[in-house]
Amino acid sequence: MIHEGMVDPRKGLHIVDINAAYEMATLTSAAKVAGSCMFDVFPDNPSDEEADGVSNLHASLKHAAEEGVPNAMHIQRYDVRDASGLFVNKFWKPVNSPIFDAQGRLLYLLHQVEDVTDAIQKKTAEAVGRP
Protein backbone atom coordinates (compact mmCIF):
# COMPACT_ATOMS: atom_id res chain seq x y z
CA MET A 1 0.00 0.00 0.00
CA ILE A 2 1.32 3.42 -0.95
CA HIS A 3 0.99 6.21 1.58
CA GLU A 4 0.98 9.74 0.20
CA GLY A 5 1.59 13.20 1.52
CA MET A 6 1.69 16.50 -0.34
CA VAL A 7 4.38 18.98 0.70
CA ASP A 8 4.74 22.67 -0.11
CA PRO A 9 8.22 22.98 -1.67
CA ARG A 10 8.85 26.49 -0.33
CA LYS A 11 10.99 27.20 2.71
CA GLY A 12 9.87 25.10 5.68
CA LEU A 13 8.52 22.21 3.62
CA HIS A 14 5.05 22.42 5.13
CA ILE A 15 2.64 19.51 4.85
CA VAL A 16 -0.35 20.36 2.66
CA ASP A 17 -2.27 17.11 3.08
CA ILE A 18 -1.86 13.37 3.67
CA ASN A 19 -4.07 10.46 2.66
CA ALA A 20 -5.73 8.02 5.06
CA ALA A 21 -3.10 5.34 4.45
CA TYR A 22 -0.35 7.83 5.36
CA GLU A 23 -2.27 8.76 8.50
CA MET A 24 -2.45 5.13 9.63
CA ALA A 25 1.17 4.31 8.80
CA THR A 26 2.61 7.41 10.47
CA LEU A 27 0.29 7.31 13.50
CA THR A 28 -1.02 10.83 12.92
CA SER A 29 -3.90 12.65 11.23
CA ALA A 30 -4.22 15.15 8.42
CA ALA A 31 -6.11 17.52 10.71
CA LYS A 32 -3.17 17.62 13.14
CA VAL A 33 -0.32 17.92 10.63
CA ALA A 34 -1.66 20.04 7.75
CA GLY A 35 0.25 23.32 7.66
CA SER A 36 3.05 22.05 9.88
CA CYS A 37 6.69 21.80 8.89
CA MET A 38 7.44 18.24 7.72
CA PHE A 39 10.39 17.90 10.07
CA ASP A 40 8.58 19.30 13.11
CA VAL A 41 5.97 16.57 12.67
CA PHE A 42 8.53 13.91 11.75
CA PRO A 43 11.82 14.66 13.54
CA ASP A 44 14.67 12.20 13.92
CA ASN A 45 14.35 9.86 16.89
CA PRO A 46 16.51 11.53 19.56
CA SER A 47 17.24 8.12 21.11
CA ASP A 48 18.88 6.90 17.90
CA GLU A 49 22.35 8.40 17.54
CA GLU A 50 22.52 7.14 13.95
CA ALA A 51 19.16 8.61 12.89
CA ASP A 52 19.50 10.18 9.46
CA GLY A 53 15.91 10.27 8.27
CA VAL A 54 15.57 14.05 8.35
CA SER A 55 18.79 14.72 6.44
CA ASN A 56 18.14 11.98 3.87
CA LEU A 57 14.52 12.97 3.27
CA HIS A 58 15.45 16.65 3.04
CA ALA A 59 18.12 15.85 0.44
CA SER A 60 15.65 13.77 -1.60
CA LEU A 61 12.93 16.45 -1.51
CA LYS A 62 15.50 19.09 -2.47
CA HIS A 63 16.71 16.95 -5.37
CA ALA A 64 13.17 16.40 -6.65
CA ALA A 65 12.44 20.13 -6.43
CA GLU A 66 15.68 21.37 -7.97
CA GLU A 67 16.04 18.75 -10.70
CA GLY A 68 12.33 18.47 -11.49
CA VAL A 69 12.39 14.67 -11.48
CA PRO A 70 11.22 11.96 -9.06
CA ASN A 71 13.78 10.79 -6.51
CA ALA A 72 13.53 7.22 -5.23
CA MET A 73 15.32 6.74 -1.93
CA HIS A 74 16.88 3.56 -0.59
CA ILE A 75 14.95 1.86 2.21
CA GLN A 76 15.13 4.29 5.10
CA ARG A 77 14.70 3.81 8.82
CA TYR A 78 12.62 6.75 9.96
CA ASP A 79 10.87 6.29 13.29
CA VAL A 80 7.55 8.01 14.02
CA ARG A 81 5.89 9.01 17.27
CA ASP A 82 2.83 7.21 18.57
CA ALA A 83 -0.09 8.94 20.29
CA SER A 84 1.84 9.11 23.58
CA GLY A 85 4.89 10.68 21.92
CA LEU A 86 7.07 7.57 22.06
CA PHE A 87 9.04 6.70 18.94
CA VAL A 88 8.12 3.53 17.04
CA ASN A 89 10.67 1.87 14.75
CA LYS A 90 9.63 2.19 11.10
CA PHE A 91 11.25 1.41 7.75
CA TRP A 92 10.10 3.05 4.53
CA LYS A 93 10.65 2.88 0.80
CA PRO A 94 10.15 6.54 -0.25
CA VAL A 95 9.74 8.26 -3.62
CA ASN A 96 9.52 12.04 -3.85
CA SER A 97 8.13 13.62 -7.03
CA PRO A 98 7.63 17.20 -8.18
CA ILE A 99 4.14 18.33 -9.20
CA PHE A 100 4.01 21.16 -11.74
CA ASP A 101 1.27 23.47 -12.98
CA ALA A 102 0.43 23.89 -16.69
CA GLN A 103 3.16 26.54 -17.03
CA GLY A 104 5.81 24.22 -15.58
CA ARG A 105 6.05 25.92 -12.18
CA LEU A 106 6.66 23.70 -9.18
CA LEU A 107 3.52 23.54 -7.04
CA TYR A 108 4.05 20.63 -4.65
CA LEU A 109 6.23 17.69 -3.80
CA LEU A 110 4.44 14.37 -3.66
CA HIS A 111 5.94 12.25 -0.86
CA GLN A 112 5.01 8.60 -1.38
CA VAL A 113 6.15 5.90 1.01
CA GLU A 114 5.67 2.19 1.32
CA ASP A 115 5.87 0.92 4.90
CA VAL A 116 8.29 -2.03 4.73
CA THR A 117 8.74 -2.37 8.50
CA ASP A 118 7.27 -5.87 8.76
CA ALA A 119 9.45 -7.21 5.93
CA ILE A 120 12.62 -5.69 7.41
CA GLN A 121 11.85 -7.00 10.91
CA LYS A 122 11.11 -10.48 9.51
CA LYS A 123 14.35 -10.49 7.53
CA THR A 124 16.31 -9.37 10.59
CA ALA A 125 14.70 -12.04 12.78
CA GLU A 126 15.51 -14.74 10.22
CA ALA A 127 19.12 -13.56 10.01
CA VAL A 128 19.58 -14.09 13.75
CA GLY A 129 17.72 -17.42 13.72
CA ARG A 130 14.41 -16.35 15.26
CA PRO A 131 11.10 -17.47 13.76
C-alpha atoms as a PDB file:
ATOM      1  CA  MET A   1       0.000   0.000   0.000  1.00  0.00           C
ATOM      2  CA  ILE A   2       1.322   3.423  -0.946  1.00  0.00           C
ATOM      3  CA  HIS A   3       0.986   6.213   1.578  1.00  0.00           C
ATOM      4  CA  GLU A   4       0.981   9.743   0.205  1.00  0.00           C
ATOM      5  CA  GLY A   5       1.595  13.198   1.519  1.00  0.00           C
ATOM      6  CA  MET A   6       1.686  16.496  -0.337  1.00  0.00           C
ATOM      7  CA  VAL A   7       4.376  18.982   0.705  1.00  0.00           C
ATOM      8  CA  ASP A   8       4.739  22.671  -0.115  1.00  0.00           C
ATOM      9  CA  PRO A   9       8.224  22.980  -1.668  1.00  0.00           C
ATOM     10  CA  ARG A  10       8.851  26.485  -0.334  1.00  0.00           C
ATOM     11  CA  LYS A  11      10.989  27.198   2.714  1.00  0.00           C
ATOM     12  CA  GLY A  12       9.871  25.102   5.677  1.00  0.00           C
ATOM     13  CA  LEU A  13       8.516  22.211   3.618  1.00  0.00           C
ATOM     14  CA  HIS A  14       5.046  22.418   5.134  1.00  0.00           C
ATOM     15  CA  ILE A  15       2.636  19.513   4.847  1.00  0.00           C
ATOM     16  CA  VAL A  16      -0.351  20.364   2.657  1.00  0.00           C
ATOM     17  CA  ASP A  17      -2.275  17.109   3.077  1.00  0.00           C
ATOM     18  CA  ILE A  18      -1.864  13.367   3.671  1.00  0.00           C
ATOM     19  CA  ASN A  19      -4.069  10.465   2.656  1.00  0.00           C
ATOM     20  CA  ALA A  20      -5.728   8.023   5.058  1.00  0.00           C
ATOM     21  CA  ALA A  21      -3.102   5.336   4.447  1.00  0.00           C
ATOM     22  CA  TYR A  22      -0.348   7.826   5.359  1.00  0.00           C
ATOM     23  CA  GLU A  23      -2.272   8.765   8.503  1.00  0.00           C
ATOM     24  CA  MET A  24      -2.446   5.130   9.627  1.00  0.00           C
ATOM     25  CA  ALA A  25       1.174   4.313   8.804  1.00  0.00           C
ATOM     26  CA  THR A  26       2.613   7.413  10.472  1.00  0.00           C
ATOM     27  CA  LEU A  27       0.290   7.307  13.497  1.00  0.00           C
ATOM     28  CA  THR A  28      -1.015  10.830  12.924  1.00  0.00           C
ATOM     29  CA  SER A  29      -3.896  12.649  11.232  1.00  0.00           C
ATOM     30  CA  ALA A  30      -4.216  15.146   8.420  1.00  0.00           C
ATOM     31  CA  ALA A  31      -6.110  17.518  10.713  1.00  0.00           C
ATOM     32  CA  LYS A  32      -3.167  17.619  13.136  1.00  0.00           C
ATOM     33  CA  VAL A  33      -0.323  17.917  10.626  1.00  0.00           C
ATOM     34  CA  ALA A  34      -1.659  20.038   7.747  1.00  0.00           C
ATOM     35  CA  GLY A  35       0.249  23.318   7.658  1.00  0.00           C
ATOM     36  CA  SER A  36       3.054  22.046   9.878  1.00  0.00           C
ATOM     37  CA  CYS A  37       6.693  21.797   8.894  1.00  0.00           C
ATOM     38  CA  MET A  38       7.442  18.243   7.721  1.00  0.00           C
ATOM     39  CA  PHE A  39      10.394  17.902  10.069  1.00  0.00           C
ATOM     40  CA  ASP A  40       8.579  19.301  13.106  1.00  0.00           C
ATOM     41  CA  VAL A  41       5.971  16.573  12.674  1.00  0.00           C
ATOM     42  CA  PHE A  42       8.532  13.907  11.752  1.00  0.00           C
ATOM     43  CA  PRO A  43      11.822  14.661  13.537  1.00  0.00           C
ATOM     44  CA  ASP A  44      14.672  12.195  13.921  1.00  0.00           C
ATOM     45  CA  ASN A  45      14.346   9.859  16.886  1.00  0.00           C
ATOM     46  CA  PRO A  46      16.514  11.526  19.558  1.00  0.00           C
ATOM     47  CA  SER A  47      17.240   8.121  21.114  1.00  0.00           C
ATOM     48  CA  ASP A  48      18.877   6.897  17.903  1.00  0.00           C
ATOM     49  CA  GLU A  49      22.348   8.399  17.535  1.00  0.00           C
ATOM     50  CA  GLU A  50      22.516   7.141  13.945  1.00  0.00           C
ATOM     51  CA  ALA A  51      19.159   8.606  12.888  1.00  0.00           C
ATOM     52  CA  ASP A  52      19.503  10.182   9.457  1.00  0.00           C
ATOM     53  CA  GLY A  53      15.905  10.266   8.274  1.00  0.00           C
ATOM     54  CA  VAL A  54      15.567  14.052   8.347  1.00  0.00           C
ATOM     55  CA  SER A  55      18.787  14.722   6.439  1.00  0.00           C
ATOM     56  CA  ASN A  56      18.142  11.978   3.872  1.00  0.00           C
ATOM     57  CA  LEU A  57      14.516  12.974   3.267  1.00  0.00           C
ATOM     58  CA  HIS A  58      15.448  16.653   3.045  1.00  0.00           C
ATOM     59  CA  ALA A  59      18.116  15.846   0.440  1.00  0.00           C
ATOM     60  CA  SER A  60      15.647  13.773  -1.601  1.00  0.00           C
ATOM     61  CA  LEU A  61      12.928  16.447  -1.514  1.00  0.00           C
ATOM     62  CA  LYS A  62      15.500  19.090  -2.466  1.00  0.00           C
ATOM     63  CA  HIS A  63      16.708  16.945  -5.372  1.00  0.00           C
ATOM     64  CA  ALA A  64      13.167  16.396  -6.652  1.00  0.00           C
ATOM     65  CA  ALA A  65      12.438  20.126  -6.425  1.00  0.00           C
ATOM     66  CA  GLU A  66      15.680  21.366  -7.969  1.00  0.00           C
ATOM     67  CA  GLU A  67      16.040  18.746 -10.696  1.00  0.00           C
ATOM     68  CA  GLY A  68      12.334  18.470 -11.487  1.00  0.00           C
ATOM     69  CA  VAL A  69      12.388  14.672 -11.482  1.00  0.00           C
ATOM     70  CA  PRO A  70      11.223  11.964  -9.059  1.00  0.00           C
ATOM     71  CA  ASN A  71      13.782  10.792  -6.513  1.00  0.00           C
ATOM     72  CA  ALA A  72      13.525   7.218  -5.225  1.00  0.00           C
ATOM     73  CA  MET A  73      15.323   6.737  -1.926  1.00  0.00           C
ATOM     74  CA  HIS A  74      16.879   3.558  -0.586  1.00  0.00           C
ATOM     75  CA  ILE A  75      14.954   1.861   2.211  1.00  0.00           C
ATOM     76  CA  GLN A  76      15.134   4.288   5.099  1.00  0.00           C
ATOM     77  CA  ARG A  77      14.697   3.813   8.822  1.00  0.00           C
ATOM     78  CA  TYR A  78      12.619   6.753   9.964  1.00  0.00           C
ATOM     79  CA  ASP A  79      10.867   6.292  13.289  1.00  0.00           C
ATOM     80  CA  VAL A  80       7.545   8.008  14.022  1.00  0.00           C
ATOM     81  CA  ARG A  81       5.892   9.008  17.271  1.00  0.00           C
ATOM     82  CA  ASP A  82       2.834   7.211  18.566  1.00  0.00           C
ATOM     83  CA  ALA A  83      -0.090   8.937  20.294  1.00  0.00           C
ATOM     84  CA  SER A  84       1.845   9.106  23.579  1.00  0.00           C
ATOM     85  CA  GLY A  85       4.890  10.680  21.917  1.00  0.00           C
ATOM     86  CA  LEU A  86       7.072   7.568  22.057  1.00  0.00           C
ATOM     87  CA  PHE A  87       9.039   6.697  18.935  1.00  0.00           C
ATOM     88  CA  VAL A  88       8.118   3.527  17.045  1.00  0.00           C
ATOM     89  CA  ASN A  89      10.669   1.871  14.746  1.00  0.00           C
ATOM     90  CA  LYS A  90       9.630   2.188  11.105  1.00  0.00           C
ATOM     91  CA  PHE A  91      11.248   1.413   7.750  1.00  0.00           C
ATOM     92  CA  TRP A  92      10.100   3.053   4.532  1.00  0.00           C
ATOM     93  CA  LYS A  93      10.648   2.880   0.796  1.00  0.00           C
ATOM     94  CA  PRO A  94      10.148   6.543  -0.247  1.00  0.00           C
ATOM     95  CA  VAL A  95       9.743   8.257  -3.620  1.00  0.00           C
ATOM     96  CA  ASN A  96       9.521  12.039  -3.849  1.00  0.00           C
ATOM     97  CA  SER A  97       8.132  13.621  -7.025  1.00  0.00           C
ATOM     98  CA  PRO A  98       7.630  17.200  -8.177  1.00  0.00           C
ATOM     99  CA  ILE A  99       4.135  18.333  -9.200  1.00  0.00           C
ATOM    100  CA  PHE A 100       4.013  21.165 -11.739  1.00  0.00           C
ATOM    101  CA  ASP A 101       1.270  23.470 -12.978  1.00  0.00           C
ATOM    102  CA  ALA A 102       0.428  23.889 -16.685  1.00  0.00           C
ATOM    103  CA  GLN A 103       3.163  26.536 -17.030  1.00  0.00           C
ATOM    104  CA  GLY A 104       5.810  24.216 -15.580  1.00  0.00           C
ATOM    105  CA  ARG A 105       6.049  25.920 -12.175  1.00  0.00           C
ATOM    106  CA  LEU A 106       6.659  23.698  -9.181  1.00  0.00           C
ATOM    107  CA  LEU A 107       3.518  23.543  -7.039  1.00  0.00           C
ATOM    108  CA  TYR A 108       4.052  20.632  -4.654  1.00  0.00           C
ATOM    109  CA  LEU A 109       6.232  17.692  -3.800  1.00  0.00           C
ATOM    110  CA  LEU A 110       4.441  14.368  -3.656  1.00  0.00           C
ATOM    111  CA  HIS A 111       5.936  12.251  -0.864  1.00  0.00           C
ATOM    112  CA  GLN A 112       5.013   8.595  -1.381  1.00  0.00           C
ATOM    113  CA  VAL A 113       6.152   5.898   1.007  1.00  0.00           C
ATOM    114  CA  GLU A 114       5.665   2.194   1.315  1.00  0.00           C
ATOM    115  CA  ASP A 115       5.871   0.918   4.899  1.00  0.00           C
ATOM    116  CA  VAL A 116       8.290  -2.031   4.733  1.00  0.00           C
ATOM    117  CA  THR A 117       8.744  -2.365   8.501  1.00  0.00           C
ATOM    118  CA  ASP A 118       7.268  -5.874   8.761  1.00  0.00           C
ATOM    119  CA  ALA A 119       9.450  -7.209   5.931  1.00  0.00           C
ATOM    120  CA  ILE A 120      12.620  -5.694   7.407  1.00  0.00           C
ATOM    121  CA  GLN A 121      11.849  -6.999  10.906  1.00  0.00           C
ATOM    122  CA  LYS A 122      11.106 -10.478   9.513  1.00  0.00           C
ATOM    123  CA  LYS A 123      14.345 -10.493   7.526  1.00  0.00           C
ATOM    124  CA  THR A 124      16.305  -9.367  10.592  1.00  0.00           C
ATOM    125  CA  ALA A 125      14.698 -12.040  12.783  1.00  0.00           C
ATOM    126  CA  GLU A 126      15.508 -14.737  10.223  1.00  0.00           C
ATOM    127  CA  ALA A 127      19.117 -13.564  10.011  1.00  0.00           C
ATOM    128  CA  VAL A 128      19.582 -14.090  13.754  1.00  0.00           C
ATOM    129  CA  GLY A 129      17.722 -17.416  13.721  1.00  0.00           C
ATOM    130  CA  ARG A 130      14.409 -16.354  15.256  1.00  0.00           C
ATOM    131  CA  PRO A 131      11.097 -17.470  13.756  1.00  0.00           C
END
